[in-house]
Amino acid sequence: MKLAAHEVRCGYGAQDVLRGVSLELREGELYGLVGPNGAGKSTLLRCLYGAQPLSGGEVVLGERPLPRWGRRAIARVLGVVPQRSNPAFPVAVRHFVGMGRFAREPLLGGPTREDERAVDACLAELGLVALADRAVDELSGGEFRRVLIAQALAQEPAVLLFDEPVQQLDLKHQLEVMEFARAFARRAGASALIVLHDLGLAARYCDRLGVLHAGHLVAEGPPDATLTVELLRRVWGVEASLERSPATGALHVVPLREARDA
């Protein structure tokens, strides 16, 4: 399913954070949203799933503007893996993942057998079966991040949005998350957007990159065409070397020093 932003503007108070941003997620692709701190990446993500009011432009999900979707209808097709989430109380992993079924459960009567099967499938896909009865507050950071992904996956979404999902994860868990995000985007009718700071991971796993800077989308396209020495100087304020990994073939960004004219 497609998700698109058209000339989106929004902010906090009188200050605009996003100033006319347009992008489109295509079916079958993993779209990487990158940019320096304060560029507006998380704000744009909130706009894409309707948590942040717009002051201009629109977001379109499928063929309809987002405001024409009800909240439960949005939750059936669009899932979000947040940057941070702390459980309010120590529920079991299985129950926490099952909360992702709220939009598909009947209003009365509680979870059905279909809901239980969906939760079991998500636990298996994310390698969480052995942890199903553990309390979420007993998990490591990497384990809990997989639980958050499983909860979003339990919605059976066609679109998944990841907000810096590899932040503070070790190398193994970073790879697990990136492999899952790319595999999800390849599912029939699916698409995904992932917010990243690691440009090496973005170049390796994402089909397209959007570079956000000071509230504007300043570059967009395949990683090889988007990441340039001049862009890194202008947007991130660093002189950098771009090297190609002999193991993966992907670009690797090596920051060298602060750019004097940035």
C-alpha atoms as a PDB file:
ATOM      1  CA  MET A   1       0.000   0.000   0.000  1.00  0.00           C
ATOM      2  CA  LYS A   2       1.228   3.492  -0.812  1.00  0.00           C
ATOM      3  CA  LEU A   3       1.711   6.229   1.759  1.00  0.00           C
ATOM      4  CA  ALA A   4       2.493   9.742   0.553  1.00  0.00           C
ATOM      5  CA  ALA A   5       3.101  13.201   1.968  1.00  0.00           C
ATOM      6  CA  HIS A   6       2.262  16.161  -0.235  1.00  0.00           C
ATOM      7  CA  GLU A   7       3.798  19.551   0.692  1.00  0.00           C
ATOM      8  CA  VAL A   8       3.437  18.752   4.389  1.00  0.00           C
ATOM      9  CA  ARG A   9       3.942  21.595   6.808  1.00  0.00           C
ATOM     10  CA  CYS A  10       3.706  21.328  10.567  1.00  0.00           C
ATOM     11  CA  GLY A  11       5.320  22.601  13.713  1.00  0.00           C
ATOM     12  CA  TYR A  12       4.993  23.304  17.398  1.00  0.00           C
ATOM     13  CA  GLY A  13       3.435  26.622  18.294  1.00  0.00           C
ATOM     14  CA  ALA A  14       4.302  29.284  15.745  1.00  0.00           C
ATOM     15  CA  GLN A  15       7.506  27.546  14.627  1.00  0.00           C
ATOM     16  CA  ASP A  16       7.340  25.323  11.530  1.00  0.00           C
ATOM     17  CA  VAL A  17       9.485  22.180  11.782  1.00  0.00           C
ATOM     18  CA  LEU A  18       8.558  20.805   8.357  1.00  0.00           C
ATOM     19  CA  ARG A  19       8.346  23.280   5.483  1.00  0.00           C
ATOM     20  CA  GLY A  20       6.637  21.663   2.513  1.00  0.00           C
ATOM     21  CA  VAL A  21       7.890  18.061   2.542  1.00  0.00           C
ATOM     22  CA  SER A  22       6.743  15.625  -0.158  1.00  0.00           C
ATOM     23  CA  LEU A  23       7.620  11.929  -0.392  1.00  0.00           C
ATOM     24  CA  GLU A  24       5.988   8.659  -1.398  1.00  0.00           C
ATOM     25  CA  LEU A  25       6.477   5.114  -0.152  1.00  0.00           C
ATOM     26  CA  ARG A  26       6.229   2.595  -2.976  1.00  0.00           C
ATOM     27  CA  GLU A  27       5.082  -0.974  -2.632  1.00  0.00           C
ATOM     28  CA  GLY A  28       7.976  -3.399  -2.298  1.00  0.00           C
ATOM     29  CA  GLU A  29      10.560  -0.867  -1.119  1.00  0.00           C
ATOM     30  CA  LEU A  30      12.293   0.097   2.089  1.00  0.00           C
ATOM     31  CA  TYR A  31      12.586   3.891   2.215  1.00  0.00           C
ATOM     32  CA  GLY A  32      15.287   5.319   4.483  1.00  0.00           C
ATOM     33  CA  LEU A  33      14.747   8.733   6.052  1.00  0.00           C
ATOM     34  CA  VAL A  34      18.076  10.237   7.130  1.00  0.00           C
ATOM     35  CA  GLY A  35      19.353  13.606   8.284  1.00  0.00           C
ATOM     36  CA  PRO A  36      21.118  15.334  11.173  1.00  0.00           C
ATOM     37  CA  ASN A  37      19.640  15.800  14.635  1.00  0.00           C
ATOM     38  CA  GLY A  38      16.797  18.306  14.651  1.00  0.00           C
ATOM     39  CA  ALA A  39      16.051  17.930  10.946  1.00  0.00           C
ATOM     40  CA  GLY A  40      12.426  16.900  11.621  1.00  0.00           C
ATOM     41  CA  LYS A  41      12.600  13.155  10.956  1.00  0.00           C
ATOM     42  CA  SER A  42      10.529  11.998  13.939  1.00  0.00           C
ATOM     43  CA  THR A  43       8.085  14.860  13.407  1.00  0.00           C
ATOM     44  CA  LEU A  44       7.562  13.787   9.797  1.00  0.00           C
ATOM     45  CA  LEU A  45       6.991  10.214  10.953  1.00  0.00           C
ATOM     46  CA  ARG A  46       4.310  11.435  13.381  1.00  0.00           C
ATOM     47  CA  CYS A  47       2.644  13.306  10.523  1.00  0.00           C
ATOM     48  CA  LEU A  48       2.625  10.166   8.387  1.00  0.00           C
ATOM     49  CA  TYR A  49       0.571   8.198  10.908  1.00  0.00           C
ATOM     50  CA  GLY A  50      -1.656  11.049  12.033  1.00  0.00           C
ATOM     51  CA  ALA A  51      -0.213  11.796  15.474  1.00  0.00           C
ATOM     52  CA  GLN A  52       0.933  15.305  14.525  1.00  0.00           C
ATOM     53  CA  PRO A  53      -1.551  17.902  13.168  1.00  0.00           C
ATOM     54  CA  LEU A  54      -0.611  19.538   9.872  1.00  0.00           C
ATOM     55  CA  SER A  55      -0.607  23.252   9.220  1.00  0.00           C
ATOM     56  CA  GLY A  56      -0.488  22.629   5.465  1.00  0.00           C
ATOM     57  CA  GLY A  57      -0.413  19.927   2.827  1.00  0.00           C
ATOM     58  CA  GLU A  58      -1.797  16.429   3.265  1.00  0.00           C
ATOM     59  CA  VAL A  59      -0.909  12.799   3.899  1.00  0.00           C
ATOM     60  CA  VAL A  60      -2.553  10.173   1.688  1.00  0.00           C
ATOM     61  CA  LEU A  61      -2.838   6.509   2.665  1.00  0.00           C
ATOM     62  CA  GLY A  62      -3.828   4.276  -0.221  1.00  0.00           C
ATOM     63  CA  GLU A  63      -6.182   6.447  -2.220  1.00  0.00           C
ATOM     64  CA  ARG A  64      -7.622   8.512   0.645  1.00  0.00           C
ATOM     65  CA  PRO A  65      -6.361  11.478   2.688  1.00  0.00           C
ATOM     66  CA  LEU A  66      -5.427  10.302   6.182  1.00  0.00           C
ATOM     67  CA  PRO A  67      -8.169  12.310   7.997  1.00  0.00           C
ATOM     68  CA  ARG A  68     -10.797  10.312   6.070  1.00  0.00           C
ATOM     69  CA  TRP A  69      -9.592   7.121   7.731  1.00  0.00           C
ATOM     70  CA  GLY A  70     -10.846   6.282  11.221  1.00  0.00           C
ATOM     71  CA  ARG A  71      -8.228   5.517  13.879  1.00  0.00           C
ATOM     72  CA  ARG A  72      -9.069   1.805  13.952  1.00  0.00           C
ATOM     73  CA  ALA A  73      -9.004   1.648  10.163  1.00  0.00           C
ATOM     74  CA  ILE A  74      -5.547   3.260  10.099  1.00  0.00           C
ATOM     75  CA  ALA A  75      -4.299   0.790  12.708  1.00  0.00           C
ATOM     76  CA  ARG A  76      -5.394  -2.127  10.524  1.00  0.00           C
ATOM     77  CA  VAL A  77      -3.080  -1.121   7.688  1.00  0.00           C
ATOM     78  CA  LEU A  78      -0.341   1.054   9.206  1.00  0.00           C
ATOM     79  CA  GLY A  79       1.988  -0.046  12.001  1.00  0.00           C
ATOM     80  CA  VAL A  80       4.557   2.011  13.918  1.00  0.00           C
ATOM     81  CA  VAL A  81       7.677   0.839  15.747  1.00  0.00           C
ATOM     82  CA  PRO A  82       8.453   3.732  18.121  1.00  0.00           C
ATOM     83  CA  GLN A  83      11.887   5.020  19.001  1.00  0.00           C
ATOM     84  CA  ARG A  84      11.202   4.624  22.705  1.00  0.00           C
ATOM     85  CA  SER A  85       8.496   2.820  24.616  1.00  0.00           C
ATOM     86  CA  ASN A  86       8.441   1.810  28.244  1.00  0.00           C
ATOM     87  CA  PRO A  87       5.750  -0.617  29.412  1.00  0.00           C
ATOM     88  CA  ALA A  88       3.483   0.895  32.052  1.00  0.00           C
ATOM     89  CA  PHE A  89       3.350  -2.411  33.938  1.00  0.00           C
ATOM     90  CA  PRO A  90       5.222  -5.733  33.704  1.00  0.00           C
ATOM     91  CA  VAL A  91       2.920  -7.747  31.440  1.00  0.00           C
ATOM     92  CA  ALA A  92       4.042 -10.920  29.698  1.00  0.00           C
ATOM     93  CA  VAL A  93       5.553 -10.650  26.225  1.00  0.00           C
ATOM     94  CA  ARG A  94       2.626 -12.564  24.700  1.00  0.00           C
ATOM     95  CA  HIS A  95       0.111 -10.127  26.200  1.00  0.00           C
ATOM     96  CA  PHE A  96       2.156  -7.091  25.143  1.00  0.00           C
ATOM     97  CA  VAL A  97       2.347  -8.325  21.542  1.00  0.00           C
ATOM     98  CA  GLY A  98      -1.371  -9.102  21.670  1.00  0.00           C
ATOM     99  CA  MET A  99      -2.104  -5.431  22.356  1.00  0.00           C
ATOM    100  CA  GLY A 100      -1.251  -4.875  18.707  1.00  0.00           C
ATOM    101  CA  ARG A 101      -4.454  -6.720  17.793  1.00  0.00           C
ATOM    102  CA  PHE A 102      -6.727  -4.062  19.325  1.00  0.00           C
ATOM    103  CA  ALA A 103      -7.890  -2.748  15.949  1.00  0.00           C
ATOM    104  CA  ARG A 104      -8.784  -6.241  14.723  1.00  0.00           C
ATOM    105  CA  GLU A 105     -10.386  -7.652  17.869  1.00  0.00           C
ATOM    106  CA  PRO A 106     -14.177  -7.433  18.197  1.00  0.00           C
ATOM    107  CA  LEU A 107     -15.347  -4.507  20.309  1.00  0.00           C
ATOM    108  CA  LEU A 108     -16.873  -6.986  22.764  1.00  0.00           C
ATOM    109  CA  GLY A 109     -15.676 -10.436  23.723  1.00  0.00           C
ATOM    110  CA  GLY A 110     -11.890 -10.096  23.802  1.00  0.00           C
ATOM    111  CA  PRO A 111      -9.293 -11.906  21.679  1.00  0.00           C
ATOM    112  CA  THR A 112     -10.425 -14.632  19.314  1.00  0.00           C
ATOM    113  CA  ARG A 113      -8.624 -17.808  18.244  1.00  0.00           C
ATOM    114  CA  GLU A 114      -7.600 -15.926  15.093  1.00  0.00           C
ATOM    115  CA  ASP A 115      -5.999 -13.224  17.273  1.00  0.00           C
ATOM    116  CA  GLU A 116      -4.145 -15.867  19.276  1.00  0.00           C
ATOM    117  CA  ARG A 117      -2.836 -17.515  16.101  1.00  0.00           C
ATOM    118  CA  ALA A 118      -1.685 -14.128  14.764  1.00  0.00           C
ATOM    119  CA  VAL A 119       0.215 -13.409  17.989  1.00  0.00           C
ATOM    120  CA  ASP A 120       1.823 -16.862  17.910  1.00  0.00           C
ATOM    121  CA  ALA A 121       2.952 -16.257  14.314  1.00  0.00           C
ATOM    122  CA  CYS A 122       4.492 -12.879  15.237  1.00  0.00           C
ATOM    123  CA  LEU A 123       6.318 -14.360  18.222  1.00  0.00           C
ATOM    124  CA  ALA A 124       7.736 -17.079  15.990  1.00  0.00           C
ATOM    125  CA  GLU A 125       8.771 -14.672  13.227  1.00  0.00           C
ATOM    126  CA  LEU A 126      10.673 -12.420  15.633  1.00  0.00           C
ATOM    127  CA  GLY A 127      12.261 -15.313  17.545  1.00  0.00           C
ATOM    128  CA  LEU A 128      10.335 -14.588  20.747  1.00  0.00           C
ATOM    129  CA  VAL A 129       8.617 -17.923  21.460  1.00  0.00           C
ATOM    130  CA  ALA A 130      11.001 -18.758  24.305  1.00  0.00           C
ATOM    131  CA  LEU A 131      10.322 -15.348  25.863  1.00  0.00           C
ATOM    132  CA  ALA A 132       6.535 -15.405  25.479  1.00  0.00           C
ATOM    133  CA  ASP A 133       5.838 -15.762  29.205  1.00  0.00           C
ATOM    134  CA  ARG A 134       8.589 -13.434  30.417  1.00  0.00           C
ATOM    135  CA  ALA A 135       7.659 -10.002  31.751  1.00  0.00           C
ATOM    136  CA  VAL A 136       8.591  -7.230  29.352  1.00  0.00           C
ATOM    137  CA  ASP A 137      10.474  -5.313  32.041  1.00  0.00           C
ATOM    138  CA  GLU A 138      12.892  -8.249  32.385  1.00  0.00           C
ATOM    139  CA  LEU A 139      14.066  -8.092  28.776  1.00  0.00           C
ATOM    140  CA  SER A 140      17.254  -6.663  27.340  1.00  0.00           C
ATOM    141  CA  GLY A 141      17.083  -3.659  25.027  1.00  0.00           C
ATOM    142  CA  GLY A 142      17.484  -5.830  21.941  1.00  0.00           C
ATOM    143  CA  GLU A 143      14.822  -8.284  23.080  1.00  0.00           C
ATOM    144  CA  PHE A 144      12.347  -5.526  23.868  1.00  0.00           C
ATOM    145  CA  ARG A 145      12.945  -3.880  20.483  1.00  0.00           C
ATOM    146  CA  ARG A 146      11.953  -7.169  18.828  1.00  0.00           C
ATOM    147  CA  VAL A 147       8.842  -7.228  21.030  1.00  0.00           C
ATOM    148  CA  LEU A 148       7.897  -3.743  19.815  1.00  0.00           C
ATOM    149  CA  ILE A 149       8.280  -4.905  16.208  1.00  0.00           C
ATOM    150  CA  ALA A 150       6.181  -8.008  16.926  1.00  0.00           C
ATOM    151  CA  GLN A 151       3.454  -5.838  18.431  1.00  0.00           C
ATOM    152  CA  ALA A 152       3.349  -3.657  15.306  1.00  0.00           C
ATOM    153  CA  LEU A 153       3.408  -6.755  13.097  1.00  0.00           C
ATOM    154  CA  ALA A 154       0.438  -8.200  15.003  1.00  0.00           C
ATOM    155  CA  GLN A 155      -1.694  -5.456  13.456  1.00  0.00           C
ATOM    156  CA  GLU A 156      -1.132  -7.179  10.077  1.00  0.00           C
ATOM    157  CA  PRO A 157      -0.182  -3.835   8.508  1.00  0.00           C
ATOM    158  CA  ALA A 158       0.550  -3.149   4.880  1.00  0.00           C
ATOM    159  CA  VAL A 159       2.837  -0.255   5.856  1.00  0.00           C
ATOM    160  CA  LEU A 160       5.389  -0.227   8.678  1.00  0.00           C
ATOM    161  CA  LEU A 161       7.123   2.897   9.983  1.00  0.00           C
ATOM    162  CA  PHE A 162      10.277   2.457  12.080  1.00  0.00           C
ATOM    163  CA  ASP A 163      11.554   5.381  14.174  1.00  0.00           C
ATOM    164  CA  GLU A 164      15.303   4.863  14.761  1.00  0.00           C
ATOM    165  CA  PRO A 165      14.827   1.157  15.575  1.00  0.00           C
ATOM    166  CA  VAL A 166      18.552   0.344  15.802  1.00  0.00           C
ATOM    167  CA  GLN A 167      19.390   3.095  18.276  1.00  0.00           C
ATOM    168  CA  GLN A 168      21.468   1.720  21.186  1.00  0.00           C
ATOM    169  CA  LEU A 169      21.414  -1.831  19.797  1.00  0.00           C
ATOM    170  CA  ASP A 170      24.524  -3.960  19.386  1.00  0.00           C
ATOM    171  CA  LEU A 171      25.713  -5.013  15.946  1.00  0.00           C
ATOM    172  CA  LYS A 172      23.876  -8.342  15.900  1.00  0.00           C
ATOM    173  CA  HIS A 173      20.536  -6.813  16.817  1.00  0.00           C
ATOM    174  CA  GLN A 174      21.025  -3.950  14.368  1.00  0.00           C
ATOM    175  CA  LEU A 175      21.397  -6.476  11.563  1.00  0.00           C
ATOM    176  CA  GLU A 176      18.349  -8.442  12.765  1.00  0.00           C
ATOM    177  CA  VAL A 177      16.169  -5.324  12.708  1.00  0.00           C
ATOM    178  CA  MET A 178      17.414  -4.182   9.296  1.00  0.00           C
ATOM    179  CA  GLU A 179      16.968  -7.636   7.763  1.00  0.00           C
ATOM    180  CA  PHE A 180      13.429  -7.778   9.091  1.00  0.00           C
ATOM    181  CA  ALA A 181      12.569  -4.278   7.837  1.00  0.00           C
ATOM    182  CA  ARG A 182      13.794  -5.075   4.334  1.00  0.00           C
ATOM    183  CA  ALA A 183      12.062  -8.470   4.290  1.00  0.00           C
ATOM    184  CA  PHE A 184       8.780  -6.891   5.409  1.00  0.00           C
ATOM    185  CA  ALA A 185       8.952  -4.293   2.632  1.00  0.00           C
ATOM    186  CA  ARG A 186       9.324  -7.102   0.084  1.00  0.00           C
ATOM    187  CA  ARG A 187       6.000  -8.695   1.052  1.00  0.00           C
ATOM    188  CA  ALA A 188       3.187  -8.476  -1.471  1.00  0.00           C
ATOM    189  CA  GLY A 189       1.472  -5.109  -1.243  1.00  0.00           C
ATOM    190  CA  ALA A 190       3.731  -3.874   1.583  1.00  0.00           C
ATOM    191  CA  SER A 191       6.052  -0.906   2.021  1.00  0.00           C
ATOM    192  CA  ALA A 192       8.161   0.447   4.863  1.00  0.00           C
ATOM    193  CA  LEU A 193       9.950   3.592   6.001  1.00  0.00           C
ATOM    194  CA  ILE A 194      12.813   3.560   8.473  1.00  0.00           C
ATOM    195  CA  VAL A 195      14.423   6.534  10.221  1.00  0.00           C
ATOM    196  CA  LEU A 196      18.166   6.028  10.611  1.00  0.00           C
ATOM    197  CA  HIS A 197      21.296   7.857  11.705  1.00  0.00           C
ATOM    198  CA  ASP A 198      23.678   5.147  10.494  1.00  0.00           C
ATOM    199  CA  LEU A 199      24.296   6.027   6.845  1.00  0.00           C
ATOM    200  CA  GLY A 200      26.132   2.752   6.246  1.00  0.00           C
ATOM    201  CA  LEU A 201      23.086   0.709   7.231  1.00  0.00           C
ATOM    202  CA  ALA A 202      20.866   3.044   5.213  1.00  0.00           C
ATOM    203  CA  ALA A 203      23.010   2.620   2.092  1.00  0.00           C
ATOM    204  CA  ARG A 204      23.163  -1.148   2.493  1.00  0.00           C
ATOM    205  CA  TYR A 205      19.522  -1.945   3.169  1.00  0.00           C
ATOM    206  CA  CYS A 206      17.336   0.846   1.785  1.00  0.00           C
ATOM    207  CA  ASP A 207      16.067   1.046  -1.785  1.00  0.00           C
ATOM    208  CA  ARG A 208      15.721   4.830  -1.654  1.00  0.00           C
ATOM    209  CA  LEU A 209      16.854   7.516   0.747  1.00  0.00           C
ATOM    210  CA  GLY A 210      15.245  10.811   1.612  1.00  0.00           C
ATOM    211  CA  VAL A 211      17.560  13.382   3.202  1.00  0.00           C
ATOM    212  CA  LEU A 212      15.832  15.794   5.556  1.00  0.00           C
ATOM    213  CA  HIS A 213      17.597  19.011   6.506  1.00  0.00           C
ATOM    214  CA  ALA A 214      16.168  21.986   8.389  1.00  0.00           C
ATOM    215  CA  GLY A 215      12.617  20.890   7.616  1.00  0.00           C
ATOM    216  CA  HIS A 216      13.161  20.374   3.878  1.00  0.00           C
ATOM    217  CA  LEU A 217      13.669  17.203   1.853  1.00  0.00           C
ATOM    218  CA  VAL A 218      16.901  18.245   0.157  1.00  0.00           C
ATOM    219  CA  ALA A 219      17.756  15.013  -1.702  1.00  0.00           C
ATOM    220  CA  GLU A 220      16.028  11.773  -2.620  1.00  0.00           C
ATOM    221  CA  GLY A 221      16.904   8.687  -4.640  1.00  0.00           C
ATOM    222  CA  PRO A 222      18.938   5.459  -4.587  1.00  0.00           C
ATOM    223  CA  PRO A 223      21.714   5.524  -1.958  1.00  0.00           C
ATOM    224  CA  ASP A 224      24.520   5.553  -4.534  1.00  0.00           C
ATOM    225  CA  ALA A 225      23.060   8.614  -6.235  1.00  0.00           C
ATOM    226  CA  THR A 226      21.990  10.415  -3.066  1.00  0.00           C
ATOM    227  CA  LEU A 227      24.953  10.160  -0.714  1.00  0.00           C
ATOM    228  CA  THR A 228      27.699  12.419  -2.043  1.00  0.00           C
ATOM    229  CA  VAL A 229      30.682  14.165  -0.517  1.00  0.00           C
ATOM    230  CA  GLU A 230      29.082  17.542  -1.225  1.00  0.00           C
ATOM    231  CA  LEU A 231      25.779  16.508   0.427  1.00  0.00           C
ATOM    232  CA  LEU A 232      27.569  15.271   3.557  1.00  0.00           C
ATOM    233  CA  ARG A 233      29.418  18.570   3.748  1.00  0.00           C
ATOM    234  CA  ARG A 234      26.287  20.682   3.254  1.00  0.00           C
ATOM    235  CA  VAL A 235      23.844  18.713   5.418  1.00  0.00           C
ATOM    236  CA  TRP A 236      25.956  17.061   8.120  1.00  0.00           C
ATOM    237  CA  GLY A 237      28.791  19.593   8.148  1.00  0.00           C
ATOM    238  CA  VAL A 238      31.569  17.027   7.743  1.00  0.00           C
ATOM    239  CA  GLU A 239      34.235  16.207   5.224  1.00  0.00           C
ATOM    240  CA  ALA A 240      33.853  12.511   4.462  1.00  0.00           C
ATOM    241  CA  SER A 241      35.142   9.734   2.273  1.00  0.00           C
ATOM    242  CA  LEU A 242      32.736   7.420   0.448  1.00  0.00           C
ATOM    243  CA  GLU A 243      34.060   3.898   0.108  1.00  0.00           C
ATOM    244  CA  ARG A 244      32.446   0.759  -1.261  1.00  0.00           C
ATOM    245  CA  SER A 245      32.431  -2.312   0.952  1.00  0.00           C
ATOM    246  CA  PRO A 246      34.075  -5.288  -0.767  1.00  0.00           C
ATOM    247  CA  ALA A 247      31.814  -7.604   1.266  1.00  0.00           C
ATOM    248  CA  THR A 248      28.398  -6.025   0.590  1.00  0.00           C
ATOM    249  CA  GLY A 249      29.004  -3.669  -2.340  1.00  0.00           C
ATOM    250  CA  ALA A 250      27.232  -0.901  -0.412  1.00  0.00           C
ATOM    251  CA  LEU A 251      28.590   2.582   0.191  1.00  0.00           C
ATOM    252  CA  HIS A 252      30.328   3.181   3.485  1.00  0.00           C
ATOM    253  CA  VAL A 253      30.586   6.722   4.837  1.00  0.00           C
ATOM    254  CA  VAL A 254      33.819   7.575   6.663  1.00  0.00           C
ATOM    255  CA  PRO A 255      33.659  10.978   8.421  1.00  0.00           C
ATOM    256  CA  LEU A 256      37.080  12.634   8.334  1.00  0.00           C
ATOM    257  CA  ARG A 257      36.707  16.028  10.004  1.00  0.00           C
ATOM    258  CA  GLU A 258      34.342  18.904  10.496  1.00  0.00           C
ATOM    259  CA  ALA A 259      33.783  20.911   7.338  1.00  0.00           C
ATOM    260  CA  ARG A 260      35.159  24.412   7.759  1.00  0.00           C
ATOM    261  CA  ASP A 261      32.700  26.014   5.341  1.00  0.00           C
ATOM    262  CA  ALA A 262      29.587  24.109   6.522  1.00  0.00           C
END
